[in-house]
Amino acid sequence: MSFATFVVRIPRVTIMDDDRWILRLAALRDGRLATGDQDGTIRIWNLATRQPELIVRQGKTGSSIPVTALIELEDGRLAFSTANSKEITLWSPASGKNETALPITLGQRATGIARLAAGRLAVLETENLLTVWNLKTSKKDAAFEVGRDPWAAGAMAQLPDGRLAVGIGDGTIELWKLR
């Protein structure tokens, strides 16, 4: 079986050119880009001007508290976590304020976040605990263990049929039907 590869080459555009490590990206519905870097800084970039419009610092400049998870929610807020923060922060770019904090229950930090249907959020913690939060009530809908090896899971995506795909470090993908 052969697979066709389609690559469209466009000129490279550099938005930020310094020594920061960009660890997380989130494409925003309004066309901007959110980045999370190695010192806990989150920037929202205007891609036309190549300038950051908003900057949120969760750590001190020069610290090593990286952003470990970052996603845009349906209401436009960003959900993110940094290493050793022990919470998911829900931050509003409109107000510039942290509006809610969802606690990490078992692990040290979130390694993945996935937006789910019906206003819910899946959070994967370092100890392979997956917690499903209801964002309207800020309460847990469910919590269960995924994978077999601690620290091995990190990638998640909700499939069109509603199942949650969880990437495990041993090369497997677990599919979970959430209620």
N, C-alpha and C. Protein backbone atom coordinates (compact mmCIF):
# COMPACT_ATOMS: atom_id res chain seq x y z
N MET A 1 0.85 -1.17 0.00
CA MET A 1 0.00 0.00 0.00
C MET A 1 0.90 1.23 0.00
N SER A 2 0.59 2.18 -0.83
CA SER A 2 1.38 3.41 -0.84
C SER A 2 0.49 4.57 -0.39
N PHE A 3 1.12 5.51 0.23
CA PHE A 3 0.42 6.68 0.72
C PHE A 3 0.96 7.90 0.01
N ALA A 4 0.08 8.73 -0.44
CA ALA A 4 0.51 9.98 -1.07
C ALA A 4 0.78 11.01 0.02
N THR A 5 1.81 11.76 -0.16
CA THR A 5 2.14 12.81 0.79
C THR A 5 1.92 14.15 0.12
N PHE A 6 1.16 14.98 0.78
CA PHE A 6 0.90 16.31 0.25
C PHE A 6 1.54 17.33 1.16
N VAL A 7 2.46 18.06 0.62
CA VAL A 7 3.14 19.09 1.39
C VAL A 7 3.02 20.39 0.62
N VAL A 8 2.55 21.39 1.29
CA VAL A 8 2.49 22.71 0.68
C VAL A 8 3.55 23.55 1.37
N ARG A 9 4.50 23.98 0.63
CA ARG A 9 5.58 24.78 1.20
C ARG A 9 5.20 26.25 1.15
N ILE A 10 5.28 26.87 2.31
CA ILE A 10 5.04 28.31 2.38
C ILE A 10 6.29 28.94 2.96
N PRO A 11 6.49 30.22 2.73
CA PRO A 11 7.67 30.86 3.31
C PRO A 11 7.61 30.79 4.84
N ARG A 12 8.73 30.56 5.44
CA ARG A 12 8.82 30.49 6.91
C ARG A 12 8.60 31.87 7.49
N VAL A 13 7.80 31.91 8.54
CA VAL A 13 7.53 33.16 9.24
C VAL A 13 7.99 32.97 10.67
N THR A 14 8.86 33.84 11.14
CA THR A 14 9.31 33.77 12.52
C THR A 14 8.54 34.79 13.33
N ILE A 15 7.88 34.31 14.38
CA ILE A 15 7.13 35.22 15.25
C ILE A 15 8.00 35.67 16.40
N MET A 16 8.63 34.73 17.06
CA MET A 16 9.47 35.06 18.20
C MET A 16 10.84 34.47 17.93
N ASP A 17 11.86 35.26 18.08
CA ASP A 17 13.21 34.80 17.78
C ASP A 17 14.12 35.13 18.95
N ASP A 18 13.97 34.37 20.03
CA ASP A 18 14.89 34.50 21.15
C ASP A 18 15.15 33.11 21.72
N ASP A 19 15.71 33.03 22.89
CA ASP A 19 16.12 31.73 23.42
C ASP A 19 15.04 31.01 24.23
N ARG A 20 13.80 31.42 24.12
CA ARG A 20 12.72 30.75 24.86
C ARG A 20 12.36 29.43 24.17
N TRP A 21 12.03 28.46 24.99
CA TRP A 21 11.51 27.20 24.48
C TRP A 21 10.00 27.26 24.52
N ILE A 22 9.38 27.16 23.39
CA ILE A 22 7.92 27.10 23.32
C ILE A 22 7.52 25.64 23.52
N LEU A 23 6.82 25.38 24.61
CA LEU A 23 6.46 24.00 24.96
C LEU A 23 5.03 23.65 24.58
N ARG A 24 4.13 24.62 24.54
CA ARG A 24 2.73 24.37 24.23
C ARG A 24 2.20 25.45 23.30
N LEU A 25 1.34 25.04 22.38
CA LEU A 25 0.67 25.96 21.45
C LEU A 25 -0.83 25.70 21.51
N ALA A 26 -1.61 26.76 21.35
CA ALA A 26 -3.06 26.62 21.23
C ALA A 26 -3.53 27.62 20.18
N ALA A 27 -4.13 27.13 19.11
CA ALA A 27 -4.71 28.00 18.10
C ALA A 27 -6.04 28.52 18.63
N LEU A 28 -6.21 29.83 18.62
CA LEU A 28 -7.44 30.43 19.12
C LEU A 28 -8.41 30.65 17.97
N ARG A 29 -9.69 30.56 18.26
CA ARG A 29 -10.71 30.70 17.22
C ARG A 29 -10.71 32.07 16.56
N ASP A 30 -10.18 33.08 17.24
CA ASP A 30 -10.17 34.42 16.64
C ASP A 30 -8.95 34.66 15.75
N GLY A 31 -8.14 33.61 15.51
CA GLY A 31 -7.01 33.71 14.61
C GLY A 31 -5.68 34.00 15.30
N ARG A 32 -5.72 34.22 16.60
CA ARG A 32 -4.47 34.44 17.33
C ARG A 32 -3.88 33.10 17.76
N LEU A 33 -2.70 33.15 18.33
CA LEU A 33 -2.00 31.95 18.77
C LEU A 33 -1.55 32.15 20.21
N ALA A 34 -1.82 31.17 21.05
CA ALA A 34 -1.33 31.21 22.44
C ALA A 34 -0.13 30.29 22.54
N THR A 35 0.91 30.76 23.23
CA THR A 35 2.10 29.95 23.45
C THR A 35 2.37 29.86 24.95
N GLY A 36 2.90 28.73 25.36
CA GLY A 36 3.33 28.53 26.75
C GLY A 36 4.78 28.11 26.73
N ASP A 37 5.63 28.75 27.52
CA ASP A 37 7.05 28.46 27.43
C ASP A 37 7.65 27.90 28.71
N GLN A 38 8.96 27.79 28.71
CA GLN A 38 9.66 27.07 29.77
C GLN A 38 9.66 27.78 31.11
N ASP A 39 9.37 29.08 31.16
CA ASP A 39 9.36 29.75 32.47
C ASP A 39 7.95 30.08 32.94
N GLY A 40 6.95 29.42 32.35
CA GLY A 40 5.58 29.62 32.79
C GLY A 40 4.88 30.81 32.17
N THR A 41 5.49 31.41 31.16
CA THR A 41 4.87 32.56 30.51
C THR A 41 3.95 32.10 29.39
N ILE A 42 2.76 32.70 29.37
CA ILE A 42 1.81 32.45 28.29
C ILE A 42 1.63 33.76 27.55
N ARG A 43 1.76 33.68 26.24
CA ARG A 43 1.59 34.86 25.39
C ARG A 43 0.49 34.59 24.38
N ILE A 44 -0.28 35.62 24.09
CA ILE A 44 -1.26 35.54 23.00
C ILE A 44 -0.76 36.47 21.91
N TRP A 45 -0.51 35.87 20.76
CA TRP A 45 0.14 36.56 19.65
C TRP A 45 -0.86 36.99 18.58
N ASN A 46 -0.66 38.19 18.07
CA ASN A 46 -1.34 38.65 16.88
C ASN A 46 -0.44 38.22 15.73
N LEU A 47 -0.90 37.29 14.91
CA LEU A 47 -0.05 36.75 13.86
C LEU A 47 0.22 37.74 12.74
N ALA A 48 -0.66 38.73 12.54
CA ALA A 48 -0.43 39.74 11.51
C ALA A 48 0.71 40.68 11.88
N THR A 49 0.72 41.10 13.14
CA THR A 49 1.78 42.04 13.58
C THR A 49 3.00 41.32 14.15
N ARG A 50 2.86 40.02 14.44
CA ARG A 50 3.92 39.21 15.05
C ARG A 50 4.33 39.74 16.42
N GLN A 51 3.37 40.32 17.11
CA GLN A 51 3.61 40.88 18.44
C GLN A 51 2.67 40.23 19.45
N PRO A 52 3.15 40.05 20.68
CA PRO A 52 2.24 39.54 21.70
C PRO A 52 1.27 40.63 22.14
N GLU A 53 0.00 40.28 22.25
CA GLU A 53 -1.01 41.23 22.70
C GLU A 53 -1.24 41.11 24.21
N LEU A 54 -1.13 39.91 24.73
CA LEU A 54 -1.31 39.68 26.16
C LEU A 54 -0.21 38.76 26.66
N ILE A 55 0.27 39.04 27.86
CA ILE A 55 1.29 38.19 28.46
C ILE A 55 0.85 37.89 29.89
N VAL A 56 0.87 36.60 30.24
CA VAL A 56 0.56 36.17 31.59
C VAL A 56 1.77 35.43 32.10
N ARG A 57 2.31 35.85 33.22
CA ARG A 57 3.46 35.17 33.82
C ARG A 57 3.01 34.41 35.04
N GLN A 58 3.24 33.11 35.01
CA GLN A 58 2.89 32.27 36.15
C GLN A 58 4.09 32.01 37.05
N GLY A 59 5.26 32.18 36.53
CA GLY A 59 6.48 32.00 37.31
C GLY A 59 7.30 33.27 37.26
N LYS A 60 8.44 33.26 37.90
CA LYS A 60 9.34 34.39 37.85
C LYS A 60 10.20 34.28 36.60
N THR A 61 10.56 35.43 36.01
CA THR A 61 11.42 35.41 34.85
C THR A 61 12.70 34.66 35.19
N GLY A 62 13.10 33.76 34.32
CA GLY A 62 14.29 32.96 34.55
C GLY A 62 14.03 31.70 35.34
N SER A 63 12.81 31.50 35.81
CA SER A 63 12.50 30.28 36.56
C SER A 63 12.36 29.11 35.59
N SER A 64 12.29 27.94 36.12
CA SER A 64 12.08 26.77 35.27
C SER A 64 10.78 26.07 35.69
N ILE A 65 9.69 26.80 35.55
CA ILE A 65 8.37 26.26 35.84
C ILE A 65 7.61 26.24 34.52
N PRO A 66 7.83 25.21 33.69
CA PRO A 66 7.27 25.22 32.35
C PRO A 66 5.75 25.05 32.30
N VAL A 67 5.17 25.57 31.23
CA VAL A 67 3.76 25.33 30.94
C VAL A 67 3.66 23.88 30.47
N THR A 68 2.84 23.09 31.12
CA THR A 68 2.72 21.66 30.80
C THR A 68 1.46 21.32 30.02
N ALA A 69 0.49 22.22 30.00
CA ALA A 69 -0.76 21.97 29.27
C ALA A 69 -1.39 23.32 28.95
N LEU A 70 -2.00 23.44 27.77
CA LEU A 70 -2.61 24.70 27.33
C LEU A 70 -3.66 24.41 26.28
N ILE A 71 -4.87 24.98 26.45
CA ILE A 71 -5.94 24.80 25.49
C ILE A 71 -6.92 25.97 25.61
N GLU A 72 -7.60 26.29 24.51
CA GLU A 72 -8.67 27.29 24.55
C GLU A 72 -9.98 26.58 24.81
N LEU A 73 -10.79 27.14 25.71
CA LEU A 73 -12.10 26.60 26.00
C LEU A 73 -13.14 27.20 25.07
N GLU A 74 -14.33 26.62 25.04
CA GLU A 74 -15.38 27.10 24.15
C GLU A 74 -15.79 28.53 24.43
N ASP A 75 -15.67 28.98 25.68
CA ASP A 75 -16.06 30.34 26.03
C ASP A 75 -14.94 31.36 25.83
N GLY A 76 -13.81 30.93 25.25
CA GLY A 76 -12.71 31.84 24.97
C GLY A 76 -11.65 31.92 26.06
N ARG A 77 -11.92 31.32 27.23
CA ARG A 77 -10.89 31.30 28.27
C ARG A 77 -9.81 30.30 27.89
N LEU A 78 -8.64 30.46 28.49
CA LEU A 78 -7.57 29.49 28.34
C LEU A 78 -7.51 28.63 29.59
N ALA A 79 -7.32 27.34 29.40
CA ALA A 79 -7.06 26.42 30.52
C ALA A 79 -5.60 26.03 30.39
N PHE A 80 -4.85 26.16 31.50
CA PHE A 80 -3.45 25.80 31.44
C PHE A 80 -2.96 25.36 32.80
N SER A 81 -1.81 24.70 32.76
CA SER A 81 -1.14 24.27 33.98
C SER A 81 0.35 24.45 33.80
N THR A 82 1.02 24.67 34.90
CA THR A 82 2.48 24.73 34.89
C THR A 82 3.01 23.65 35.82
N ALA A 83 4.26 23.29 35.63
CA ALA A 83 4.87 22.25 36.47
C ALA A 83 4.78 22.66 37.93
N ASN A 84 4.37 21.73 38.74
CA ASN A 84 4.26 21.90 40.20
C ASN A 84 3.23 22.93 40.64
N SER A 85 2.31 23.34 39.75
CA SER A 85 1.28 24.30 40.17
C SER A 85 0.14 23.61 40.91
N LYS A 86 -0.03 22.30 40.70
CA LYS A 86 -1.07 21.51 41.35
C LYS A 86 -2.49 22.01 41.06
N GLU A 87 -2.66 22.72 39.92
CA GLU A 87 -3.99 23.15 39.53
C GLU A 87 -4.04 23.46 38.05
N ILE A 88 -5.25 23.46 37.53
CA ILE A 88 -5.53 23.94 36.19
C ILE A 88 -6.09 25.34 36.37
N THR A 89 -5.48 26.31 35.75
CA THR A 89 -5.95 27.68 35.83
C THR A 89 -6.84 27.97 34.63
N LEU A 90 -7.99 28.56 34.87
CA LEU A 90 -8.87 29.03 33.81
C LEU A 90 -8.73 30.55 33.78
N TRP A 91 -8.15 31.05 32.70
CA TRP A 91 -7.78 32.45 32.58
C TRP A 91 -8.55 33.10 31.44
N SER A 92 -9.06 34.29 31.69
CA SER A 92 -9.84 35.02 30.68
C SER A 92 -8.98 36.08 30.02
N PRO A 93 -8.70 35.95 28.72
CA PRO A 93 -7.99 37.02 28.02
C PRO A 93 -8.78 38.33 28.02
N ALA A 94 -10.11 38.24 28.04
CA ALA A 94 -10.94 39.45 28.03
C ALA A 94 -10.75 40.27 29.30
N SER A 95 -10.73 39.61 30.45
CA SER A 95 -10.58 40.33 31.72
C SER A 95 -9.14 40.39 32.19
N GLY A 96 -8.29 39.48 31.66
CA GLY A 96 -6.91 39.42 32.11
C GLY A 96 -6.76 38.78 33.49
N LYS A 97 -7.80 38.09 33.94
CA LYS A 97 -7.78 37.53 35.30
C LYS A 97 -7.90 36.02 35.30
N ASN A 98 -7.28 35.41 36.31
CA ASN A 98 -7.50 33.99 36.59
C ASN A 98 -8.88 33.90 37.23
N GLU A 99 -9.78 33.16 36.59
CA GLU A 99 -11.15 33.11 37.06
C GLU A 99 -11.45 31.91 37.93
N THR A 100 -10.80 30.79 37.66
CA THR A 100 -11.07 29.57 38.40
C THR A 100 -9.79 28.75 38.47
N ALA A 101 -9.65 27.97 39.51
CA ALA A 101 -8.55 27.01 39.61
C ALA A 101 -9.15 25.65 39.94
N LEU A 102 -8.84 24.66 39.12
CA LEU A 102 -9.30 23.29 39.36
C LEU A 102 -8.12 22.53 39.93
N PRO A 103 -8.26 21.92 41.10
CA PRO A 103 -7.11 21.27 41.74
C PRO A 103 -6.67 20.00 41.02
N ILE A 104 -5.36 19.80 40.98
CA ILE A 104 -4.80 18.51 40.56
C ILE A 104 -4.94 17.61 41.78
N THR A 105 -5.59 16.48 41.64
CA THR A 105 -5.95 15.71 42.81
C THR A 105 -4.90 14.73 43.28
N LEU A 106 -4.15 14.14 42.38
CA LEU A 106 -3.21 13.10 42.78
C LEU A 106 -1.79 13.41 42.30
N GLY A 107 -1.64 13.72 41.04
CA GLY A 107 -0.32 13.92 40.46
C GLY A 107 0.29 15.27 40.81
N GLN A 108 1.46 15.51 40.27
CA GLN A 108 2.17 16.77 40.53
C GLN A 108 1.74 17.88 39.58
N ARG A 109 1.27 17.51 38.39
CA ARG A 109 0.87 18.52 37.41
C ARG A 109 0.03 17.86 36.33
N ALA A 110 -0.56 18.69 35.50
CA ALA A 110 -1.31 18.18 34.35
C ALA A 110 -0.33 17.97 33.20
N THR A 111 -0.46 16.84 32.52
CA THR A 111 0.35 16.58 31.34
C THR A 111 -0.46 16.73 30.07
N GLY A 112 -1.77 16.84 30.20
CA GLY A 112 -2.63 17.01 29.04
C GLY A 112 -3.99 17.52 29.45
N ILE A 113 -4.58 18.30 28.53
CA ILE A 113 -5.93 18.82 28.73
C ILE A 113 -6.67 18.63 27.41
N ALA A 114 -7.92 18.20 27.49
CA ALA A 114 -8.75 18.09 26.28
C ALA A 114 -10.11 18.70 26.57
N ARG A 115 -10.57 19.52 25.64
CA ARG A 115 -11.90 20.11 25.75
C ARG A 115 -12.90 19.05 25.30
N LEU A 116 -13.92 18.84 26.12
CA LEU A 116 -14.95 17.85 25.83
C LEU A 116 -16.27 18.56 25.54
N ALA A 117 -17.19 17.82 24.97
CA ALA A 117 -18.52 18.35 24.71
C ALA A 117 -19.23 18.65 26.02
N ALA A 118 -20.29 19.40 25.94
CA ALA A 118 -21.17 19.71 27.07
C ALA A 118 -20.46 20.47 28.18
N GLY A 119 -19.48 21.32 27.81
CA GLY A 119 -18.83 22.17 28.81
C GLY A 119 -17.99 21.42 29.82
N ARG A 120 -17.34 20.35 29.37
CA ARG A 120 -16.49 19.58 30.27
C ARG A 120 -15.04 19.65 29.82
N LEU A 121 -14.15 19.31 30.72
CA LEU A 121 -12.71 19.36 30.48
C LEU A 121 -12.09 18.08 31.02
N ALA A 122 -11.27 17.41 30.21
CA ALA A 122 -10.53 16.23 30.66
C ALA A 122 -9.12 16.68 31.02
N VAL A 123 -8.66 16.28 32.19
CA VAL A 123 -7.33 16.64 32.66
C VAL A 123 -6.58 15.36 32.97
N LEU A 124 -5.42 15.19 32.34
CA LEU A 124 -4.57 14.04 32.59
C LEU A 124 -3.44 14.46 33.51
N GLU A 125 -3.34 13.80 34.64
CA GLU A 125 -2.32 14.14 35.64
C GLU A 125 -1.11 13.22 35.50
N THR A 126 -0.01 13.61 36.14
CA THR A 126 1.24 12.86 36.01
C THR A 126 1.15 11.43 36.50
N GLU A 127 0.28 11.11 37.37
CA GLU A 127 0.15 9.73 37.85
C GLU A 127 -0.88 8.94 37.04
N ASN A 128 -1.14 9.40 35.81
CA ASN A 128 -2.08 8.75 34.90
C ASN A 128 -3.51 8.74 35.40
N LEU A 129 -3.84 9.71 36.22
CA LEU A 129 -5.22 9.88 36.66
C LEU A 129 -5.90 10.83 35.68
N LEU A 130 -7.00 10.41 35.12
CA LEU A 130 -7.77 11.27 34.23
C LEU A 130 -8.98 11.77 35.00
N THR A 131 -9.12 13.07 35.08
CA THR A 131 -10.24 13.69 35.78
C THR A 131 -11.08 14.44 34.76
N VAL A 132 -12.38 14.26 34.82
CA VAL A 132 -13.31 14.99 33.96
C VAL A 132 -14.02 16.02 34.82
N TRP A 133 -13.88 17.28 34.44
CA TRP A 133 -14.48 18.39 35.18
C TRP A 133 -15.66 18.96 34.44
N ASN A 134 -16.70 19.33 35.16
CA ASN A 134 -17.83 20.08 34.62
C ASN A 134 -17.46 21.55 34.84
N LEU A 135 -17.24 22.29 33.77
CA LEU A 135 -16.79 23.67 33.90
C LEU A 135 -17.89 24.62 34.37
N LYS A 136 -19.15 24.22 34.23
CA LYS A 136 -20.24 25.08 34.71
C LYS A 136 -20.33 25.06 36.22
N THR A 137 -20.00 23.90 36.82
CA THR A 137 -20.12 23.77 38.27
C THR A 137 -18.77 23.73 38.98
N SER A 138 -17.68 23.61 38.21
CA SER A 138 -16.32 23.43 38.76
C SER A 138 -16.23 22.20 39.67
N LYS A 139 -17.01 21.16 39.33
CA LYS A 139 -16.99 19.91 40.08
C LYS A 139 -16.56 18.77 39.17
N LYS A 140 -16.01 17.72 39.80
CA LYS A 140 -15.58 16.53 39.06
C LYS A 140 -16.79 15.72 38.64
N ASP A 141 -16.80 15.31 37.38
CA ASP A 141 -17.80 14.36 36.90
C ASP A 141 -17.29 12.94 37.05
N ALA A 142 -15.97 12.75 36.91
CA ALA A 142 -15.39 11.41 36.97
C ALA A 142 -13.89 11.51 37.20
N ALA A 143 -13.32 10.43 37.70
CA ALA A 143 -11.87 10.31 37.83
C ALA A 143 -11.53 8.83 37.74
N PHE A 144 -10.56 8.48 36.89
CA PHE A 144 -10.15 7.09 36.73
C PHE A 144 -8.73 7.04 36.21
N GLU A 145 -8.11 5.87 36.36
CA GLU A 145 -6.72 5.68 35.95
C GLU A 145 -6.66 5.21 34.51
N VAL A 146 -5.71 5.74 33.76
CA VAL A 146 -5.46 5.31 32.38
C VAL A 146 -4.03 4.79 32.29
N GLY A 147 -3.76 3.95 31.31
CA GLY A 147 -2.40 3.42 31.12
C GLY A 147 -1.99 2.51 32.26
N ARG A 148 -0.79 1.98 32.10
CA ARG A 148 -0.27 1.06 33.10
C ARG A 148 1.00 1.56 33.76
N ASP A 149 1.65 2.52 33.17
CA ASP A 149 2.94 2.99 33.66
C ASP A 149 2.83 4.46 34.08
N PRO A 150 3.08 4.77 35.37
CA PRO A 150 3.02 6.18 35.78
C PRO A 150 3.91 7.05 34.92
N TRP A 151 3.48 8.25 34.69
CA TRP A 151 4.20 9.27 33.91
C TRP A 151 4.22 8.97 32.42
N ALA A 152 3.44 8.01 31.97
CA ALA A 152 3.56 7.59 30.58
C ALA A 152 2.54 8.21 29.64
N ALA A 153 1.48 8.81 30.15
CA ALA A 153 0.43 9.33 29.27
C ALA A 153 0.54 10.85 29.17
N GLY A 154 0.05 11.40 28.06
CA GLY A 154 0.10 12.85 27.94
C GLY A 154 -0.74 13.44 26.84
N ALA A 155 -0.98 12.72 25.78
CA ALA A 155 -1.72 13.27 24.66
C ALA A 155 -3.17 12.81 24.72
N MET A 156 -4.10 13.75 24.49
CA MET A 156 -5.52 13.41 24.51
C MET A 156 -6.24 14.19 23.42
N ALA A 157 -7.30 13.58 22.90
CA ALA A 157 -8.17 14.26 21.95
C ALA A 157 -9.54 13.61 21.99
N GLN A 158 -10.59 14.44 21.91
CA GLN A 158 -11.93 13.88 21.83
C GLN A 158 -12.25 13.60 20.37
N LEU A 159 -12.76 12.42 20.10
CA LEU A 159 -13.13 12.00 18.76
C LEU A 159 -14.53 12.51 18.44
N PRO A 160 -14.88 12.60 17.15
CA PRO A 160 -16.22 13.09 16.79
C PRO A 160 -17.36 12.28 17.39
N ASP A 161 -17.14 11.00 17.67
CA ASP A 161 -18.21 10.18 18.26
C ASP A 161 -18.30 10.34 19.78
N GLY A 162 -17.48 11.22 20.36
CA GLY A 162 -17.54 11.50 21.79
C GLY A 162 -16.54 10.75 22.63
N ARG A 163 -15.92 9.69 22.07
CA ARG A 163 -14.91 8.96 22.84
C ARG A 163 -13.67 9.84 23.03
N LEU A 164 -12.91 9.52 24.08
CA LEU A 164 -11.68 10.23 24.38
C LEU A 164 -10.51 9.31 24.05
N ALA A 165 -9.60 9.76 23.19
CA ALA A 165 -8.39 9.01 22.87
C ALA A 165 -7.27 9.52 23.77
N VAL A 166 -6.58 8.59 24.42
CA VAL A 166 -5.48 8.93 25.33
C VAL A 166 -4.24 8.21 24.85
N GLY A 167 -3.19 8.98 24.52
CA GLY A 167 -1.92 8.41 24.08
C GLY A 167 -1.09 7.99 25.27
N ILE A 168 -0.62 6.74 25.25
CA ILE A 168 0.15 6.17 26.35
C ILE A 168 1.60 6.01 25.89
N GLY A 169 2.53 6.18 26.81
CA GLY A 169 3.96 6.15 26.49
C GLY A 169 4.47 4.84 25.93
N ASP A 170 3.73 3.73 26.11
CA ASP A 170 4.19 2.45 25.57
C ASP A 170 3.76 2.25 24.13
N GLY A 171 3.23 3.30 23.50
CA GLY A 171 2.85 3.22 22.10
C GLY A 171 1.39 2.87 21.86
N THR A 172 0.61 2.70 22.91
CA THR A 172 -0.80 2.37 22.73
C THR A 172 -1.65 3.63 22.83
N ILE A 173 -2.84 3.53 22.29
CA ILE A 173 -3.84 4.57 22.43
C ILE A 173 -5.06 3.92 23.05
N GLU A 174 -5.48 4.43 24.19
CA GLU A 174 -6.69 3.93 24.85
C GLU A 174 -7.87 4.79 24.41
N LEU A 175 -8.98 4.14 24.12
CA LEU A 175 -10.21 4.84 23.77
C LEU A 175 -11.21 4.66 24.92
N TRP A 176 -11.71 5.77 25.41
CA TRP A 176 -12.63 5.75 26.56
C TRP A 176 -13.96 6.39 26.15
N LYS A 177 -15.05 5.70 26.48
CA LYS A 177 -16.38 6.29 26.29
C LYS A 177 -16.76 6.97 27.60
N LEU A 178 -16.95 8.26 27.53
CA LEU A 178 -17.30 9.03 28.72
C LEU A 178 -18.80 9.24 28.76
N ARG A 179 -19.36 9.27 29.96
CA ARG A 179 -20.79 9.52 30.12
C ARG A 179 -21.04 10.96 30.40
